[in-house]
Amino acid sequence: MLGTTHPKVQQRIAERHVAVHLVDETGIRRGLRCLFTTHGLAVEPSSAITIPVVKEQLGKLEAPICAILTGENIAREDFFRLVQEE
């Protein structure tokens, strides 16, 4: 779980008006499952965060939408456990 970010990071985010979206564990699992069942992609959980955020913000985002997905930085057994859990 993320604690409080460093004050300089918070300052930069505020200065640049960067939107920060939080995703809970259920959202991460759903993102993993969606990417795997729909596209056959096994990504690390931090990449799966993009899926619920994009789905939630879809009507507000300008096309084209690009989500950066990074490799399999997760053990296979952990990945499949997370994909199967609700």
PDB file of N, CA and C in Angstrom:
ATOM      1  N   MET A   1       0.845  -1.180   0.000  1.00  0.00           N
ATOM      2  CA  MET A   1       0.000   0.000   0.000  1.00  0.00           C
ATOM      3  C   MET A   1       0.888   1.239   0.000  1.00  0.00           C
ATOM      4  N   LEU A   2       0.475   2.202  -0.752  1.00  0.00           N
ATOM      5  CA  LEU A   2       1.229   3.441  -0.881  1.00  0.00           C
ATOM      6  C   LEU A   2       0.976   4.334   0.317  1.00  0.00           C
ATOM      7  N   GLY A   3       2.049   4.799   0.910  1.00  0.00           N
ATOM      8  CA  GLY A   3       1.937   5.762   2.004  1.00  0.00           C
ATOM      9  C   GLY A   3       1.862   7.157   1.427  1.00  0.00           C
ATOM     10  N   THR A   4       2.326   8.113   2.166  1.00  0.00           N
ATOM     11  CA  THR A   4       2.346   9.485   1.700  1.00  0.00           C
ATOM     12  C   THR A   4       3.535   9.680   0.764  1.00  0.00           C
ATOM     13  N   THR A   5       3.280  10.287  -0.364  1.00  0.00           N
ATOM     14  CA  THR A   5       4.364  10.528  -1.314  1.00  0.00           C
ATOM     15  C   THR A   5       5.288  11.626  -0.797  1.00  0.00           C
ATOM     16  N   HIS A   6       6.454  11.656  -1.326  1.00  0.00           N
ATOM     17  CA  HIS A   6       7.471  12.635  -0.964  1.00  0.00           C
ATOM     18  C   HIS A   6       6.930  14.046  -1.241  1.00  0.00           C
ATOM     19  N   PRO A   7       7.181  15.011  -0.355  1.00  0.00           N
ATOM     20  CA  PRO A   7       6.653  16.377  -0.546  1.00  0.00           C
ATOM     21  C   PRO A   7       7.004  17.002  -1.895  1.00  0.00           C
ATOM     22  N   LYS A   8       8.225  16.773  -2.395  1.00  0.00           N
ATOM     23  CA  LYS A   8       8.591  17.352  -3.699  1.00  0.00           C
ATOM     24  C   LYS A   8       7.778  16.722  -4.825  1.00  0.00           C
ATOM     25  N   VAL A   9       7.468  15.433  -4.694  1.00  0.00           N
ATOM     26  CA  VAL A   9       6.631  14.763  -5.701  1.00  0.00           C
ATOM     27  C   VAL A   9       5.224  15.351  -5.653  1.00  0.00           C
ATOM     28  N   GLN A  10       4.686  15.510  -4.466  1.00  0.00           N
ATOM     29  CA  GLN A  10       3.356  16.116  -4.328  1.00  0.00           C
ATOM     30  C   GLN A  10       3.327  17.520  -4.920  1.00  0.00           C
ATOM     31  N   GLN A  11       4.388  18.285  -4.700  1.00  0.00           N
ATOM     32  CA  GLN A  11       4.469  19.647  -5.230  1.00  0.00           C
ATOM     33  C   GLN A  11       4.458  19.626  -6.757  1.00  0.00           C
ATOM     34  N   ARG A  12       5.246  18.750  -7.362  1.00  0.00           N
ATOM     35  CA  ARG A  12       5.302  18.660  -8.836  1.00  0.00           C
ATOM     36  C   ARG A  12       3.948  18.260  -9.414  1.00  0.00           C
ATOM     37  N   ILE A  13       3.302  17.301  -8.783  1.00  0.00           N
ATOM     38  CA  ILE A  13       1.976  16.859  -9.243  1.00  0.00           C
ATOM     39  C   ILE A  13       1.002  18.032  -9.199  1.00  0.00           C
ATOM     40  N   ALA A  14       1.016  18.777  -8.102  1.00  0.00           N
ATOM     41  CA  ALA A  14       0.118  19.930  -7.958  1.00  0.00           C
ATOM     42  C   ALA A  14       0.433  21.016  -8.978  1.00  0.00           C
ATOM     43  N   GLU A  15       1.715  21.322  -9.175  1.00  0.00           N
ATOM     44  CA  GLU A  15       2.116  22.372 -10.124  1.00  0.00           C
ATOM     45  C   GLU A  15       1.710  22.043 -11.563  1.00  0.00           C
ATOM     46  N   ARG A  16       1.766  20.789 -11.903  1.00  0.00           N
ATOM     47  CA  ARG A  16       1.470  20.375 -13.275  1.00  0.00           C
ATOM     48  C   ARG A  16       0.025  19.898 -13.462  1.00  0.00           C
ATOM     49  N   HIS A  17      -0.758  19.982 -12.399  1.00  0.00           N
ATOM     50  CA  HIS A  17      -2.176  19.592 -12.434  1.00  0.00           C
ATOM     51  C   HIS A  17      -2.355  18.173 -12.990  1.00  0.00           C
ATOM     52  N   VAL A  18      -1.522  17.260 -12.496  1.00  0.00           N
ATOM     53  CA  VAL A  18      -1.579  15.864 -12.924  1.00  0.00           C
ATOM     54  C   VAL A  18      -2.708  15.171 -12.178  1.00  0.00           C
ATOM     55  N   ALA A  19      -3.570  14.492 -12.924  1.00  0.00           N
ATOM     56  CA  ALA A  19      -4.650  13.726 -12.299  1.00  0.00           C
ATOM     57  C   ALA A  19      -4.079  12.413 -11.767  1.00  0.00           C
ATOM     58  N   VAL A  20      -4.390  12.116 -10.530  1.00  0.00           N
ATOM     59  CA  VAL A  20      -3.947  10.876  -9.905  1.00  0.00           C
ATOM     60  C   VAL A  20      -5.189  10.074  -9.557  1.00  0.00           C
ATOM     61  N   HIS A  21      -5.236   8.835 -10.031  1.00  0.00           N
ATOM     62  CA  HIS A  21      -6.384   7.971  -9.794  1.00  0.00           C
ATOM     63  C   HIS A  21      -5.945   6.781  -8.949  1.00  0.00           C
ATOM     64  N   LEU A  22      -6.731   6.459  -7.953  1.00  0.00           N
ATOM     65  CA  LEU A  22      -6.435   5.324  -7.090  1.00  0.00           C
ATOM     66  C   LEU A  22      -7.287   4.132  -7.513  1.00  0.00           C
ATOM     67  N   VAL A  23      -6.685   2.948  -7.481  1.00  0.00           N
ATOM     68  CA  VAL A  23      -7.375   1.719  -7.861  1.00  0.00           C
ATOM     69  C   VAL A  23      -7.216   0.725  -6.721  1.00  0.00           C
ATOM     70  N   ASP A  24      -8.320   0.123  -6.295  1.00  0.00           N
ATOM     71  CA  ASP A  24      -8.234  -0.851  -5.211  1.00  0.00           C
ATOM     72  C   ASP A  24      -7.831  -2.229  -5.742  1.00  0.00           C
ATOM     73  N   GLU A  25      -7.628  -3.162  -4.824  1.00  0.00           N
ATOM     74  CA  GLU A  25      -7.177  -4.513  -5.198  1.00  0.00           C
ATOM     75  C   GLU A  25      -8.147  -5.198  -6.157  1.00  0.00           C
ATOM     76  N   THR A  26      -9.436  -5.011  -5.940  1.00  0.00           N
ATOM     77  CA  THR A  26     -10.435  -5.624  -6.818  1.00  0.00           C
ATOM     78  C   THR A  26     -10.300  -5.074  -8.235  1.00  0.00           C
ATOM     79  N   GLY A  27     -10.089  -3.783  -8.363  1.00  0.00           N
ATOM     80  CA  GLY A  27      -9.907  -3.176  -9.679  1.00  0.00           C
ATOM     81  C   GLY A  27      -8.668  -3.706 -10.379  1.00  0.00           C
ATOM     82  N   ILE A  28      -7.601  -3.912  -9.616  1.00  0.00           N
ATOM     83  CA  ILE A  28      -6.372  -4.458 -10.202  1.00  0.00           C
ATOM     84  C   ILE A  28      -6.629  -5.879 -10.716  1.00  0.00           C
ATOM     85  N   ARG A  29      -7.293  -6.692  -9.909  1.00  0.00           N
ATOM     86  CA  ARG A  29      -7.609  -8.069 -10.338  1.00  0.00           C
ATOM     87  C   ARG A  29      -8.484  -8.073 -11.587  1.00  0.00           C
ATOM     88  N   ARG A  30      -9.464  -7.197 -11.612  1.00  0.00           N
ATOM     89  CA  ARG A  30     -10.342  -7.122 -12.796  1.00  0.00           C
ATOM     90  C   ARG A  30      -9.563  -6.680 -14.034  1.00  0.00           C
ATOM     91  N   GLY A  31      -8.631  -5.747 -13.845  1.00  0.00           N
ATOM     92  CA  GLY A  31      -7.785  -5.324 -14.959  1.00  0.00           C
ATOM     93  C   GLY A  31      -6.921  -6.455 -15.466  1.00  0.00           C
ATOM     94  N   LEU A  32      -6.311  -7.215 -14.546  1.00  0.00           N
ATOM     95  CA  LEU A  32      -5.512  -8.387 -14.937  1.00  0.00           C
ATOM     96  C   LEU A  32      -6.364  -9.378 -15.722  1.00  0.00           C
ATOM     97  N   ARG A  33      -7.545  -9.677 -15.185  1.00  0.00           N
ATOM     98  CA  ARG A  33      -8.447 -10.642 -15.821  1.00  0.00           C
ATOM     99  C   ARG A  33      -8.890 -10.166 -17.200  1.00  0.00           C
ATOM    100  N   CYS A  34      -9.236  -8.899 -17.315  1.00  0.00           N
ATOM    101  CA  CYS A  34      -9.675  -8.337 -18.600  1.00  0.00           C
ATOM    102  C   CYS A  34      -8.579  -8.449 -19.656  1.00  0.00           C
ATOM    103  N   LEU A  35      -7.382  -8.043 -19.305  1.00  0.00           N
ATOM    104  CA  LEU A  35      -6.272  -8.101 -20.265  1.00  0.00           C
ATOM    105  C   LEU A  35      -5.960  -9.539 -20.673  1.00  0.00           C
ATOM    106  N   PHE A  36      -6.058 -10.464 -19.711  1.00  0.00           N
ATOM    107  CA  PHE A  36      -5.734 -11.853 -20.000  1.00  0.00           C
ATOM    108  C   PHE A  36      -6.827 -12.531 -20.828  1.00  0.00           C
ATOM    109  N   THR A  37      -8.086 -12.369 -20.416  1.00  0.00           N
ATOM    110  CA  THR A  37      -9.169 -13.075 -21.112  1.00  0.00           C
ATOM    111  C   THR A  37      -9.529 -12.437 -22.449  1.00  0.00           C
ATOM    112  N   THR A  38      -9.384 -11.133 -22.556  1.00  0.00           N
ATOM    113  CA  THR A  38      -9.752 -10.440 -23.791  1.00  0.00           C
ATOM    114  C   THR A  38      -8.625 -10.405 -24.814  1.00  0.00           C
ATOM    115  N   HIS A  39      -7.382 -10.229 -24.329  1.00  0.00           N
ATOM    116  CA  HIS A  39      -6.261 -10.033 -25.248  1.00  0.00           C
ATOM    117  C   HIS A  39      -5.135 -11.050 -25.095  1.00  0.00           C
ATOM    118  N   GLY A  40      -5.259 -11.967 -24.127  1.00  0.00           N
ATOM    119  CA  GLY A  40      -4.214 -12.959 -23.902  1.00  0.00           C
ATOM    120  C   GLY A  40      -2.933 -12.369 -23.342  1.00  0.00           C
ATOM    121  N   LEU A  41      -3.045 -11.230 -22.659  1.00  0.00           N
ATOM    122  CA  LEU A  41      -1.865 -10.564 -22.115  1.00  0.00           C
ATOM    123  C   LEU A  41      -1.714 -10.868 -20.631  1.00  0.00           C
ATOM    124  N   ALA A  42      -0.531 -11.285 -20.246  1.00  0.00           N
ATOM    125  CA  ALA A  42      -0.206 -11.488 -18.835  1.00  0.00           C
ATOM    126  C   ALA A  42       0.735 -10.358 -18.439  1.00  0.00           C
ATOM    127  N   VAL A  43       0.189  -9.359 -17.782  1.00  0.00           N
ATOM    128  CA  VAL A  43       0.986  -8.192 -17.398  1.00  0.00           C
ATOM    129  C   VAL A  43       1.146  -8.161 -15.886  1.00  0.00           C
ATOM    130  N   GLU A  44       2.052  -7.322 -15.413  1.00  0.00           N
ATOM    131  CA  GLU A  44       2.212  -7.180 -13.978  1.00  0.00           C
ATOM    132  C   GLU A  44       1.065  -6.334 -13.421  1.00  0.00           C
ATOM    133  N   PRO A  45       0.722  -6.537 -12.154  1.00  0.00           N
ATOM    134  CA  PRO A  45      -0.420  -5.826 -11.576  1.00  0.00           C
ATOM    135  C   PRO A  45      -0.357  -4.307 -11.706  1.00  0.00           C
ATOM    136  N   SER A  46       0.823  -3.711 -11.634  1.00  0.00           N
ATOM    137  CA  SER A  46       0.902  -2.248 -11.748  1.00  0.00           C
ATOM    138  C   SER A  46       0.450  -1.768 -13.120  1.00  0.00           C
ATOM    139  N   SER A  47       0.587  -2.595 -14.149  1.00  0.00           N
ATOM    140  CA  SER A  47       0.083  -2.227 -15.478  1.00  0.00           C
ATOM    141  C   SER A  47      -1.425  -2.370 -15.570  1.00  0.00           C
ATOM    142  N   ALA A  48      -1.971  -3.341 -14.853  1.00  0.00           N
ATOM    143  CA  ALA A  48      -3.412  -3.589 -14.894  1.00  0.00           C
ATOM    144  C   ALA A  48      -4.207  -2.433 -14.313  1.00  0.00           C
ATOM    145  N   ILE A  49      -3.557  -1.581 -13.546  1.00  0.00           N
ATOM    146  CA  ILE A  49      -4.226  -0.413 -12.965  1.00  0.00           C
ATOM    147  C   ILE A  49      -4.812   0.477 -14.056  1.00  0.00           C
ATOM    148  N   THR A  50      -4.172   0.510 -15.207  1.00  0.00           N
ATOM    149  CA  THR A  50      -4.644   1.394 -16.275  1.00  0.00           C
ATOM    150  C   THR A  50      -6.043   1.031 -16.768  1.00  0.00           C
ATOM    151  N   ILE A  51      -6.407  -0.234 -16.720  1.00  0.00           N
ATOM    152  CA  ILE A  51      -7.686  -0.682 -17.291  1.00  0.00           C
ATOM    153  C   ILE A  51      -8.888  -0.096 -16.555  1.00  0.00           C
ATOM    154  N   PRO A  52      -9.018  -0.239 -15.230  1.00  0.00           N
ATOM    155  CA  PRO A  52     -10.184   0.368 -14.585  1.00  0.00           C
ATOM    156  C   PRO A  52     -10.193   1.893 -14.672  1.00  0.00           C
ATOM    157  N   VAL A  53      -9.029   2.511 -14.700  1.00  0.00           N
ATOM    158  CA  VAL A  53      -8.981   3.977 -14.815  1.00  0.00           C
ATOM    159  C   VAL A  53      -9.490   4.404 -16.187  1.00  0.00           C
ATOM    160  N   VAL A  54      -9.023   3.749 -17.233  1.00  0.00           N
ATOM    161  CA  VAL A  54      -9.482   4.097 -18.587  1.00  0.00           C
ATOM    162  C   VAL A  54     -10.974   3.830 -18.718  1.00  0.00           C
ATOM    163  N   LYS A  55     -11.451   2.699 -18.213  1.00  0.00           N
ATOM    164  CA  LYS A  55     -12.893   2.395 -18.296  1.00  0.00           C
ATOM    165  C   LYS A  55     -13.711   3.447 -17.566  1.00  0.00           C
ATOM    166  N   GLU A  56     -13.242   3.877 -16.394  1.00  0.00           N
ATOM    167  CA  GLU A  56     -13.958   4.877 -15.606  1.00  0.00           C
ATOM    168  C   GLU A  56     -13.957   6.245 -16.281  1.00  0.00           C
ATOM    169  N   GLN A  57     -12.862   6.589 -16.938  1.00  0.00           N
ATOM    170  CA  GLN A  57     -12.685   7.913 -17.532  1.00  0.00           C
ATOM    171  C   GLN A  57     -12.973   7.945 -19.027  1.00  0.00           C
ATOM    172  N   LEU A  58     -13.440   6.860 -19.604  1.00  0.00           N
ATOM    173  CA  LEU A  58     -13.557   6.721 -21.053  1.00  0.00           C
ATOM    174  C   LEU A  58     -14.263   7.887 -21.733  1.00  0.00           C
ATOM    175  N   GLY A  59     -15.366   8.349 -21.196  1.00  0.00           N
ATOM    176  CA  GLY A  59     -16.094   9.451 -21.806  1.00  0.00           C
ATOM    177  C   GLY A  59     -15.379  10.789 -21.702  1.00  0.00           C
ATOM    178  N   LYS A  60     -14.379  10.880 -20.828  1.00  0.00           N
ATOM    179  CA  LYS A  60     -13.665  12.131 -20.601  1.00  0.00           C
ATOM    180  C   LYS A  60     -12.319  12.185 -21.321  1.00  0.00           C
ATOM    181  N   LEU A  61     -11.835  11.046 -21.791  1.00  0.00           N
ATOM    182  CA  LEU A  61     -10.516  10.985 -22.423  1.00  0.00           C
ATOM    183  C   LEU A  61     -10.607  11.265 -23.912  1.00  0.00           C
ATOM    184  N   GLU A  62      -9.586  11.926 -24.439  1.00  0.00           N
ATOM    185  CA  GLU A  62      -9.530  12.196 -25.867  1.00  0.00           C
ATOM    186  C   GLU A  62      -8.856  11.028 -26.588  1.00  0.00           C
ATOM    187  N   ALA A  63      -9.355  10.707 -27.757  1.00  0.00           N
ATOM    188  CA  ALA A  63      -8.744   9.650 -28.575  1.00  0.00           C
ATOM    189  C   ALA A  63      -7.518  10.221 -29.277  1.00  0.00           C
ATOM    190  N   PRO A  64      -6.549   9.449 -29.558  1.00  0.00           N
ATOM    191  CA  PRO A  64      -6.437   8.030 -29.215  1.00  0.00           C
ATOM    192  C   PRO A  64      -5.976   7.866 -27.768  1.00  0.00           C
ATOM    193  N   ILE A  65      -6.350   6.748 -27.177  1.00  0.00           N
ATOM    194  CA  ILE A  65      -5.957   6.420 -25.812  1.00  0.00           C
ATOM    195  C   ILE A  65      -4.855   5.375 -25.887  1.00  0.00           C
ATOM    196  N   CYS A  66      -3.786   5.600 -25.155  1.00  0.00           N
ATOM    197  CA  CYS A  66      -2.661   4.669 -25.140  1.00  0.00           C
ATOM    198  C   CYS A  66      -2.368   4.283 -23.698  1.00  0.00           C
ATOM    199  N   ALA A  67      -2.366   3.003 -23.414  1.00  0.00           N
ATOM    200  CA  ALA A  67      -2.015   2.514 -22.079  1.00  0.00           C
ATOM    201  C   ALA A  67      -0.693   1.772 -22.192  1.00  0.00           C
ATOM    202  N   ILE A  68       0.236   2.129 -21.343  1.00  0.00           N
ATOM    203  CA  ILE A  68       1.538   1.468 -21.326  1.00  0.00           C
ATOM    204  C   ILE A  68       1.428   0.227 -20.439  1.00  0.00           C
ATOM    205  N   LEU A  69       1.672  -0.928 -21.011  1.00  0.00           N
ATOM    206  CA  LEU A  69       1.612  -2.188 -20.280  1.00  0.00           C
ATOM    207  C   LEU A  69       3.009  -2.775 -20.217  1.00  0.00           C
ATOM    208  N   THR A  70       3.414  -3.156 -19.032  1.00  0.00           N
ATOM    209  CA  THR A  70       4.757  -3.693 -18.877  1.00  0.00           C
ATOM    210  C   THR A  70       4.700  -5.160 -18.494  1.00  0.00           C
ATOM    211  N   GLY A  71       5.804  -5.805 -18.720  1.00  0.00           N
ATOM    212  CA  GLY A  71       5.997  -7.242 -18.626  1.00  0.00           C
ATOM    213  C   GLY A  71       5.437  -7.985 -17.449  1.00  0.00           C
ATOM    214  N   GLU A  72       5.824  -9.167 -17.381  1.00  0.00           N
ATOM    215  CA  GLU A  72       5.321 -10.136 -16.421  1.00  0.00           C
ATOM    216  C   GLU A  72       6.156 -10.137 -15.148  1.00  0.00           C
ATOM    217  N   ASN A  73       6.144  -9.069 -14.420  1.00  0.00           N
ATOM    218  CA  ASN A  73       6.915  -8.979 -13.184  1.00  0.00           C
ATOM    219  C   ASN A  73       6.104  -9.570 -12.038  1.00  0.00           C
ATOM    220  N   ILE A  74       5.670 -10.820 -12.234  1.00  0.00           N
ATOM    221  CA  ILE A  74       4.868 -11.527 -11.243  1.00  0.00           C
ATOM    222  C   ILE A  74       5.043 -13.019 -11.497  1.00  0.00           C
ATOM    223  N   ALA A  75       5.095 -13.785 -10.441  1.00  0.00           N
ATOM    224  CA  ALA A  75       5.211 -15.238 -10.586  1.00  0.00           C
ATOM    225  C   ALA A  75       3.932 -15.783 -11.215  1.00  0.00           C
ATOM    226  N   ARG A  76       4.056 -16.781 -12.055  1.00  0.00           N
ATOM    227  CA  ARG A  76       2.888 -17.355 -12.751  1.00  0.00           C
ATOM    228  C   ARG A  76       1.789 -17.775 -11.783  1.00  0.00           C
ATOM    229  N   GLU A  77       2.163 -18.455 -10.702  1.00  0.00           N
ATOM    230  CA  GLU A  77       1.138 -18.918  -9.759  1.00  0.00           C
ATOM    231  C   GLU A  77       0.418 -17.748  -9.093  1.00  0.00           C
ATOM    232  N   ASP A  78       1.134 -16.663  -8.816  1.00  0.00           N
ATOM    233  CA  ASP A  78       0.489 -15.479  -8.241  1.00  0.00           C
ATOM    234  C   ASP A  78      -0.436 -14.814  -9.256  1.00  0.00           C
ATOM    235  N   PHE A  79       0.025 -14.739 -10.509  1.00  0.00           N
ATOM    236  CA  PHE A  79      -0.805 -14.144 -11.561  1.00  0.00           C
ATOM    237  C   PHE A  79      -2.131 -14.894 -11.684  1.00  0.00           C
ATOM    238  N   PHE A  80      -2.063 -16.211 -11.819  1.00  0.00           N
ATOM    239  CA  PHE A  80      -3.294 -16.983 -12.018  1.00  0.00           C
ATOM    240  C   PHE A  80      -4.187 -16.971 -10.771  1.00  0.00           C
ATOM    241  N   ARG A  81      -3.601 -16.893  -9.586  1.00  0.00           N
ATOM    242  CA  ARG A  81      -4.392 -16.763  -8.371  1.00  0.00           C
ATOM    243  C   ARG A  81      -5.159 -15.441  -8.382  1.00  0.00           C
ATOM    244  N   LEU A  82      -4.491 -14.354  -8.756  1.00  0.00           N
ATOM    245  CA  LEU A  82      -5.142 -13.039  -8.801  1.00  0.00           C
ATOM    246  C   LEU A  82      -6.209 -12.970  -9.883  1.00  0.00           C
ATOM    247  N   VAL A  83      -5.964 -13.577 -11.018  1.00  0.00           N
ATOM    248  CA  VAL A  83      -6.936 -13.560 -12.118  1.00  0.00           C
ATOM    249  C   VAL A  83      -8.198 -14.325 -11.725  1.00  0.00           C
ATOM    250  N   GLN A  84      -8.032 -15.377 -10.942  1.00  0.00           N
ATOM    251  CA  GLN A  84      -9.181 -16.213 -10.570  1.00  0.00           C
ATOM    252  C   GLN A  84      -9.954 -15.659  -9.375  1.00  0.00           C
ATOM    253  N   GLU A  85      -9.307 -14.871  -8.508  1.00  0.00           N
ATOM    254  CA  GLU A  85      -9.986 -14.318  -7.333  1.00  0.00           C
ATOM    255  C   GLU A  85     -10.917 -13.167  -7.723  1.00  0.00           C
ATOM    256  N   GLU A  86     -11.931 -12.978  -6.939  1.00  0.00           N
ATOM    257  CA  GLU A  86     -12.826 -11.816  -7.156  1.00  0.00           C
ATOM    258  C   GLU A  86     -12.733 -10.899  -6.024  1.00  0.00           C
TER     259      GLU A  86
END
